[in-house]
Each structure stands twice: as structure tokens, then as C-alpha cells.
Protein backbone atom coordinates (compact mmCIF):
# COMPACT_ATOMS: atom_id res chain seq x y z
CA MET A 1 -8.95 -7.77 9.01
CA GLU A 2 -10.26 -8.87 12.40
CA TYR A 3 -10.83 -5.21 13.30
CA PHE A 4 -13.05 -4.61 10.28
CA SER A 5 -14.76 -8.01 10.27
CA LYS A 6 -15.95 -7.42 13.84
CA ARG A 7 -17.46 -4.13 12.66
CA GLY A 8 -19.43 -5.66 9.83
CA TYR A 9 -17.17 -4.86 6.90
CA PRO A 10 -16.85 -7.68 4.34
CA CYS A 11 -13.10 -7.96 3.84
CA TYR A 12 -10.70 -10.33 2.11
CA ALA A 13 -6.96 -10.98 2.07
CA LEU A 14 -5.90 -11.68 -1.50
CA SER A 15 -3.23 -14.35 -1.78
CA ILE A 16 -1.17 -14.31 -4.97
CA ARG A 17 1.22 -16.86 -6.45
CA GLY A 18 4.18 -17.57 -4.23
CA HIS A 19 2.55 -15.88 -1.24
CA GLY A 20 0.23 -16.86 1.59
CA TYR A 21 -1.72 -20.03 0.88
CA SER A 22 -1.54 -19.72 -2.90
CA TRP A 23 0.24 -22.05 -5.27
CA GLY A 24 3.99 -21.57 -5.14
CA PRO A 25 5.99 -21.72 -8.37
CA SER A 26 9.40 -23.37 -8.37
CA TYR A 27 12.37 -21.28 -7.28
CA TYR A 28 13.46 -20.60 -10.87
CA LYS A 29 9.95 -19.73 -12.09
CA MET A 30 9.21 -17.44 -9.16
CA VAL A 31 12.55 -15.67 -8.96
CA PHE A 32 13.40 -15.30 -12.65
CA GLN A 33 10.16 -15.73 -14.64
CA THR A 34 7.48 -14.04 -12.54
CA THR A 35 6.92 -10.40 -13.49
CA ALA A 36 5.18 -7.53 -11.74
CA PRO A 37 2.32 -7.44 -14.31
CA MET A 38 1.73 -11.17 -13.73
CA LEU A 39 1.32 -10.53 -10.01
CA ALA A 40 -0.87 -7.50 -10.71
CA HIS A 41 -3.12 -9.76 -12.79
CA ASP A 42 -3.34 -12.11 -9.79
CA VAL A 43 -4.56 -9.26 -7.59
CA ALA A 44 -6.99 -8.10 -10.29
CA ALA A 45 -8.47 -11.60 -10.48
CA GLY A 46 -9.06 -11.45 -6.73
CA VAL A 47 -10.71 -8.03 -7.01
CA ARG A 48 -13.06 -9.29 -9.72
CA HIS A 49 -13.91 -12.39 -7.66
CA VAL A 50 -14.81 -10.27 -4.62
CA THR A 51 -16.89 -7.96 -6.80
CA ASP A 52 -18.81 -10.88 -8.32
CA SER A 53 -19.32 -12.45 -4.89
CA HIS A 54 -21.10 -9.33 -3.64
CA LYS A 55 -23.27 -8.43 -6.60
CA LYS A 56 -26.37 -8.59 -4.41
CA ASP A 57 -24.74 -7.17 -1.31
CA LEU A 58 -26.00 -3.69 -0.51
CA VAL A 59 -22.95 -2.95 1.65
CA LYS A 60 -20.63 -3.05 -1.31
CA ARG A 61 -22.75 -0.52 -3.21
CA ARG A 62 -21.57 2.25 -0.95
CA GLY A 63 -18.87 3.80 -3.05
CA GLY A 64 -20.10 2.76 -6.46
CA GLY A 65 -20.47 -0.99 -6.13
CA LEU A 66 -16.79 -1.97 -6.16
CA PRO A 67 -14.41 -2.97 -3.34
CA VAL A 68 -12.03 -0.61 -1.61
CA LEU A 69 -8.59 -1.91 -2.58
CA LEU A 70 -5.80 -1.91 0.03
CA GLY A 71 -2.18 -2.62 -0.83
CA HIS A 72 0.81 -2.72 1.53
CA SER A 73 4.48 -2.24 0.61
CA ASN A 74 5.15 -3.62 -2.89
CA GLY A 75 1.52 -4.73 -2.87
CA GLY A 76 0.68 -1.04 -2.86
CA GLY A 77 2.71 -0.81 -6.04
CA LEU A 78 0.82 -3.73 -7.59
CA SER A 79 -2.49 -2.11 -6.65
CA GLN A 80 -1.50 1.06 -8.48
CA MET A 81 -0.23 -0.95 -11.44
CA LEU A 82 -3.44 -2.94 -11.95
CA LEU A 83 -5.48 0.28 -11.84
CA ASP A 84 -3.06 2.10 -14.15
CA ARG A 85 -3.26 -0.68 -16.73
CA GLY A 86 -7.00 -1.21 -16.39
CA TYR A 87 -6.79 -4.81 -15.17
CA ALA A 88 -9.57 -4.01 -12.68
CA LYS A 89 -11.41 -1.10 -11.10
CA ALA A 90 -12.07 -0.26 -7.45
CA SER A 91 -14.20 2.23 -5.56
CA ALA A 92 -11.17 3.68 -3.74
CA LEU A 93 -7.52 2.87 -3.04
CA VAL A 94 -5.61 2.65 0.23
CA ILE A 95 -1.81 2.62 -0.03
CA LEU A 96 -0.42 1.28 3.24
CA ALA A 97 3.26 2.29 3.40
CA GLY A 98 3.33 1.30 -0.26
CA THR A 99 5.78 1.64 -3.13
CA PRO A 100 5.34 5.20 -4.43
CA ASN A 101 4.05 5.84 -7.93
CA PHE A 102 7.41 7.33 -8.92
CA GLY A 103 9.25 4.10 -8.16
CA GLY A 104 11.24 2.22 -5.57
CA TRP A 105 14.76 3.64 -6.00
CA GLY A 106 14.37 5.72 -2.86
CA VAL A 107 13.10 2.70 -0.95
CA TYR A 108 16.20 0.63 -1.70
CA LYS A 109 18.42 3.63 -1.05
CA ASN A 110 16.85 3.79 2.42
CA TRP A 111 17.40 0.06 2.86
CA GLY A 112 21.07 0.33 1.99
CA THR A 113 21.44 3.24 4.40
CA PHE A 114 20.16 1.44 7.50
CA ASP A 115 21.65 -1.91 6.40
CA PRO A 116 25.08 -1.16 4.85
CA TRP A 117 25.79 -4.90 4.53
CA PHE A 118 22.79 -5.34 2.18
CA VAL A 119 24.82 -5.59 -1.04
CA PRO A 120 27.91 -7.51 0.15
CA ARG A 121 25.72 -9.96 2.09
CA MET A 122 23.57 -10.67 -0.95
CA TYR A 123 26.48 -10.95 -3.40
CA PHE A 124 29.12 -12.79 -1.41
CA ARG A 125 27.39 -14.69 1.39
CA ASP A 126 23.95 -15.51 0.00
CA LEU A 127 24.82 -15.74 -3.72
CA PHE A 128 21.98 -13.46 -4.86
CA HIS A 129 19.23 -15.25 -2.94
CA PRO A 130 16.19 -12.89 -2.89
CA ARG A 131 15.58 -13.43 0.82
CA SER A 132 19.11 -12.29 1.69
CA PRO A 133 18.05 -8.85 3.07
CA LEU A 134 15.58 -10.65 5.36
CA SER A 135 17.64 -13.75 6.14
CA LYS A 136 17.83 -13.23 9.91
CA THR A 137 15.32 -12.33 12.59
CA SER A 138 17.25 -9.18 13.44
CA LEU A 139 17.10 -8.04 9.80
CA VAL A 140 13.35 -8.68 9.58
CA HIS A 141 12.80 -6.83 12.84
CA ARG A 142 14.78 -3.79 11.77
CA ALA A 143 13.20 -3.57 8.32
CA PHE A 144 9.58 -4.22 9.23
CA PHE A 145 8.82 -3.25 12.83
CA CYS A 146 9.41 -0.61 15.47
CA ASP A 147 12.23 -1.27 17.92
CA GLU A 148 9.79 -2.08 20.75
CA PHE A 149 8.09 -4.90 18.84
CA PRO A 150 8.78 -8.23 20.65
CA ARG A 151 11.50 -10.32 19.00
CA GLU A 152 9.55 -13.55 19.63
CA GLU A 153 6.63 -12.20 17.60
CA VAL A 154 9.03 -11.38 14.78
CA LYS A 155 10.03 -15.05 14.72
CA GLU A 156 6.37 -16.05 14.42
CA PHE A 157 5.95 -13.55 11.61
CA GLU A 158 8.93 -15.05 9.76
CA LYS A 159 7.17 -18.43 9.57
CA LYS A 160 4.56 -16.86 7.27
CA MET A 161 7.04 -15.15 4.96
CA SER A 162 7.60 -16.43 1.44
CA PRO A 163 10.82 -18.49 1.09
CA TYR A 164 11.77 -16.68 -2.13
CA LEU A 165 10.46 -13.75 -4.17
CA SER A 166 10.49 -12.48 -7.73
CA TYR A 167 13.48 -10.42 -8.86
CA TRP A 168 11.45 -8.87 -11.67
CA TRP A 169 8.79 -7.52 -9.33
CA PRO A 170 10.95 -4.85 -7.63
CA ILE A 171 13.03 -4.25 -10.76
CA GLN A 172 9.97 -3.40 -12.86
CA ILE A 173 8.68 -0.87 -10.33
CA MET A 174 12.06 0.67 -9.54
CA GLY A 175 11.40 3.75 -11.66
CA ARG A 176 8.14 5.62 -12.29
CA PHE A 177 5.77 2.82 -13.25
CA VAL A 178 2.26 4.30 -13.27
CA LYS A 179 0.49 7.45 -14.36
CA THR A 180 -1.47 8.94 -11.48
CA GLU A 181 -4.15 10.04 -13.93
CA ASN A 182 -4.80 6.43 -14.98
CA VAL A 183 -4.87 5.21 -11.39
CA LEU A 184 -7.39 7.85 -10.33
CA SER A 185 -9.54 7.30 -13.42
CA ASN A 186 -10.16 3.68 -12.40
CA LEU A 187 -11.34 4.60 -8.89
CA THR A 188 -15.05 5.15 -9.32
CA GLY A 189 -16.59 5.56 -5.86
CA TRP A 190 -17.53 8.67 -3.87
CA GLY A 191 -17.10 11.08 -6.74
CA GLY A 192 -14.06 9.26 -8.14
CA GLY A 193 -10.32 9.26 -7.59
CA ARG A 194 -10.30 8.64 -3.84
CA VAL A 195 -6.91 7.60 -2.41
CA PHE A 196 -5.75 7.26 1.21
CA ILE A 197 -2.00 7.07 1.82
CA LEU A 198 -1.30 5.75 5.32
CA ALA A 199 2.36 6.08 6.32
CA ALA A 200 4.33 4.84 9.33
CA GLU A 201 6.47 7.26 11.34
CA ARG A 202 9.33 4.80 11.92
CA ASP A 203 9.20 3.13 8.52
CA ARG A 204 12.83 2.68 7.49
CA LEU A 205 11.87 1.67 3.94
CA MET A 206 8.89 3.76 2.78
CA SER A 207 10.06 6.91 4.53
CA LEU A 208 7.77 9.84 5.27
CA GLU A 209 9.61 11.87 2.65
CA LEU A 210 8.60 9.34 -0.02
CA MET A 211 5.03 8.93 1.25
CA GLY A 212 4.47 12.68 1.52
CA ARG A 213 5.76 13.19 -2.00
CA MET A 214 3.40 10.50 -3.30
CA ALA A 215 0.44 12.15 -1.55
CA ASP A 216 1.41 15.49 -3.08
CA GLU A 217 1.58 14.03 -6.60
CA TYR A 218 -1.83 12.39 -6.28
CA ARG A 219 -3.32 15.59 -4.85
CA LYS A 220 -2.01 17.69 -7.71
CA GLN A 221 -3.27 15.17 -10.27
CA ARG A 222 -6.77 14.92 -8.80
CA ALA A 223 -7.04 18.72 -8.51
CA SER A 224 -6.11 18.94 -12.19
CA MET A 225 -8.77 16.36 -13.08
CA VAL A 226 -11.40 18.33 -11.14
CA ARG A 227 -10.45 21.49 -13.03
CA SER A 228 -10.75 19.62 -16.34
CA LYS A 229 -14.17 18.22 -15.29
CA VAL A 230 -13.04 14.57 -15.17
CA PHE A 231 -14.25 14.59 -11.57
CA THR A 232 -17.00 16.93 -10.45
CA ASN A 233 -16.28 19.31 -7.60
CA ASP A 234 -19.78 18.99 -6.12
CA ASP A 235 -21.07 18.41 -2.60
CA ARG A 236 -18.53 15.62 -2.11
CA ASN A 237 -15.86 18.04 -0.88
CA ILE A 238 -14.36 16.12 2.04
CA ASP A 239 -11.19 18.19 2.51
CA GLN A 240 -10.17 18.59 6.15
CA ASN A 241 -7.10 18.69 8.40
CA TRP A 242 -6.32 15.98 10.94
CA ILE A 243 -3.96 17.89 13.22
CA SER A 244 -4.69 20.86 15.45
CA GLY A 245 -4.27 24.22 13.81
CA GLY A 246 -4.09 22.70 10.34
CA SER A 247 -0.36 23.37 10.09
CA GLU A 248 1.85 21.15 8.00
CA ARG A 249 4.35 19.02 9.92
CA ALA A 250 7.38 19.01 7.65
CA ILE A 251 8.89 16.03 9.46
CA PHE A 252 5.85 13.97 8.46
CA GLY A 253 6.31 14.65 4.76
CA GLY A 254 3.13 16.59 4.13
CA LEU A 255 -0.22 17.81 5.37
CA GLU A 256 -2.05 15.16 7.36
CA GLY A 257 -5.64 15.30 6.26
CA VAL A 258 -7.71 15.32 3.11
CA ARG A 259 -6.62 17.82 0.49
CA ASP A 260 -8.04 17.87 -3.04
CA GLY A 261 -9.89 14.66 -2.15
CA ILE A 262 -6.68 12.71 -1.37
CA ALA A 263 -5.99 11.66 2.23
CA TYR A 264 -2.61 11.34 3.94
CA ARG A 265 -1.95 10.31 7.52
CA VAL A 266 0.96 9.06 9.63
CA VAL A 267 0.76 6.35 12.30
CA GLU A 268 3.11 7.60 14.99
CA GLY A 269 5.61 5.08 16.35
CA ALA A 270 4.83 2.37 13.79
CA GLY A 271 7.30 0.53 11.58
CA HIS A 272 6.84 -0.57 7.98
CA HIS A 273 4.35 -3.34 8.79
CA LEU A 274 1.96 -0.89 10.38
CA GLN A 275 -0.90 -3.41 10.07
CA ASN A 276 1.07 -5.92 12.20
CA ASP A 277 3.08 -3.64 14.46
CA LEU A 278 2.19 -2.58 18.00
CA GLN A 279 0.14 0.29 16.57
CA LYS A 280 -2.04 -1.90 14.32
CA ASN A 281 -5.30 -0.89 16.00
CA ILE A 282 -4.45 2.78 15.55
CA SER A 283 -3.77 2.11 11.86
CA ALA A 284 -7.13 0.36 11.53
CA LYS A 285 -8.90 3.18 13.36
CA TYR A 286 -7.42 5.78 11.00
CA LEU A 287 -8.60 3.75 8.02
CA GLU A 288 -12.09 3.38 9.48
CA GLN A 289 -12.29 7.13 10.07
CA TRP A 290 -11.44 7.73 6.42
CA LEU A 291 -14.16 5.31 5.29
CA GLU A 292 -16.65 7.13 7.50
CA ILE A 293 -15.64 10.45 5.93
CA LEU A 294 -16.25 9.00 2.48
CA ASP A 295 -19.65 7.62 3.42
CA LYS A 296 -20.74 11.07 4.55
CA ALA A 297 -19.74 12.58 1.22
């Protein structure tokens, strides 16, 4: 946020129940009674508030008069959910190492692979506490950051983490939980249906295989919507490659660049929290470059 604020972009961090500086429900209410749609409604309320706050702001009119919505990790899943269900609209969507549209099974499979004690630790030591997989600094470091990230900074990061999380949230987005057509239909800026998927090379959770597959599904869906005249294929063609020669790097999950109006890029060396990791300025730069591409469309 500091990166974009210094460059004149109005930007906001949306805090939802049980997170950040928002009201925190009791353990029972948060863990067992808070659902993914409830949290998606929280985000949607924030989106509407930002939209109303900038009704007279010319900056926000670039892209159709609505905010660009960014969601990280499971927040990327919530962002897709609120668009899919029509809780709010946005000008464009950025999925930062986010839960893929086809669900989180692969994410938790990855987690169990690099942390084989995940299940026994949660069941037998921590008695199903939702913070069990992130109950030690070493676990947080391994799940969220690259190996070179300083351990002392991980400890500072832990102080800001929620003490407990909803069980229903990941359960309800474990399988395919949105229709890409609905998500794209509620993105109204720059010709419509603009999505940027920013992945992290060393993400142990949202692997490049998952992120590349998500980009491919959104690209196919938007191309179909252009063919059916939902979106117009006019002078807003922004397709381009972001690597020399335009060849597809299979190890990165897909073509880095803009194809069929959907962007995909990988931050090399970064872990899951690419906006907090050592490469955070590179991540921000990639995002800014995408916004500049849109504004030229």
C-alpha cells in the first residue's frame, strides 16, 4: 500500500471480522459460525464504502468508476465469491497468490506435502485448533515466506495474525465455488472482465501449477465471452508477452503475459506472502505495470 500511496493511487486495506483491526467474534462464533459468504459480504461492504467515498474523485473513474479489487490467499477466494454472487462489482480483479476458482483441495494437498505433521499435530497435539498449522514461527516461515526471509521479521508478522480463524471459510471453498463467467461479468472496467493473477515462484501453498491453471480457465472463459459478444473485442486488445521470445515457461504454470485480456505473472523467488516477502517491491511494480497497460487500453 505504501508503494501505491506514494504514487498517488487511492488505496485501502479492507479489514473484515476477526481480522486486522475489525471486531473479533468469540472463539466459538468465529470458528464454528462464521461462513465464507459472511466474510465475502464484509469485503463487499468495504468495496461499496470505497466506491461511495470516491464518487467525485476523477481518479477512480479510470476503469469505469469502480475500485480495482485485490485479494490475497483465501482473500482472493472471497474476492471471486463476492463477484460471483453479485454482492458487489469492481472495475478489475487482482488475485495475489489466491485460492483458485476450482477450489482449495490442491492447496491443502500441497500443505500436507511440505508439512507431513499437519494432520497429526492438529488432531492430537492442538485438539483441532485452527491456528495449529501456523502455531510456531518455523511453520509460519515455511508456509508464507521464502527461505531467505529473516526469522525475526516473521516473529513481527506473527503478532498481526488472527488468533483463530473460521473452519467454514476454507471448507466452503474447498471445491469449485465460483463460475468464472459470473466473476468476469461483474468486472466492468477497461472493456470488462479484466483479471490479473500474480503468483509467487516459491509459494508452497498456491503452487504455480494451480495458479497457471486458474489463469488458463479465466482466459478461456473471457475468450468465450468475447466470441459471444458479452465483451467487445475492440481497440482494447492489450494482449502481450512478458518474457523474451514469448515462449511459455512450463515450470511457471503458463504463459506470463496478457492473453485473451487476462494477465498472469510470476514473482521469482517470492513465497506465498509476496506482498510482504523480500520481493514485495517487485510484486508492486508488476501490478503497477499491469494498471498502466489497462490505462492505455
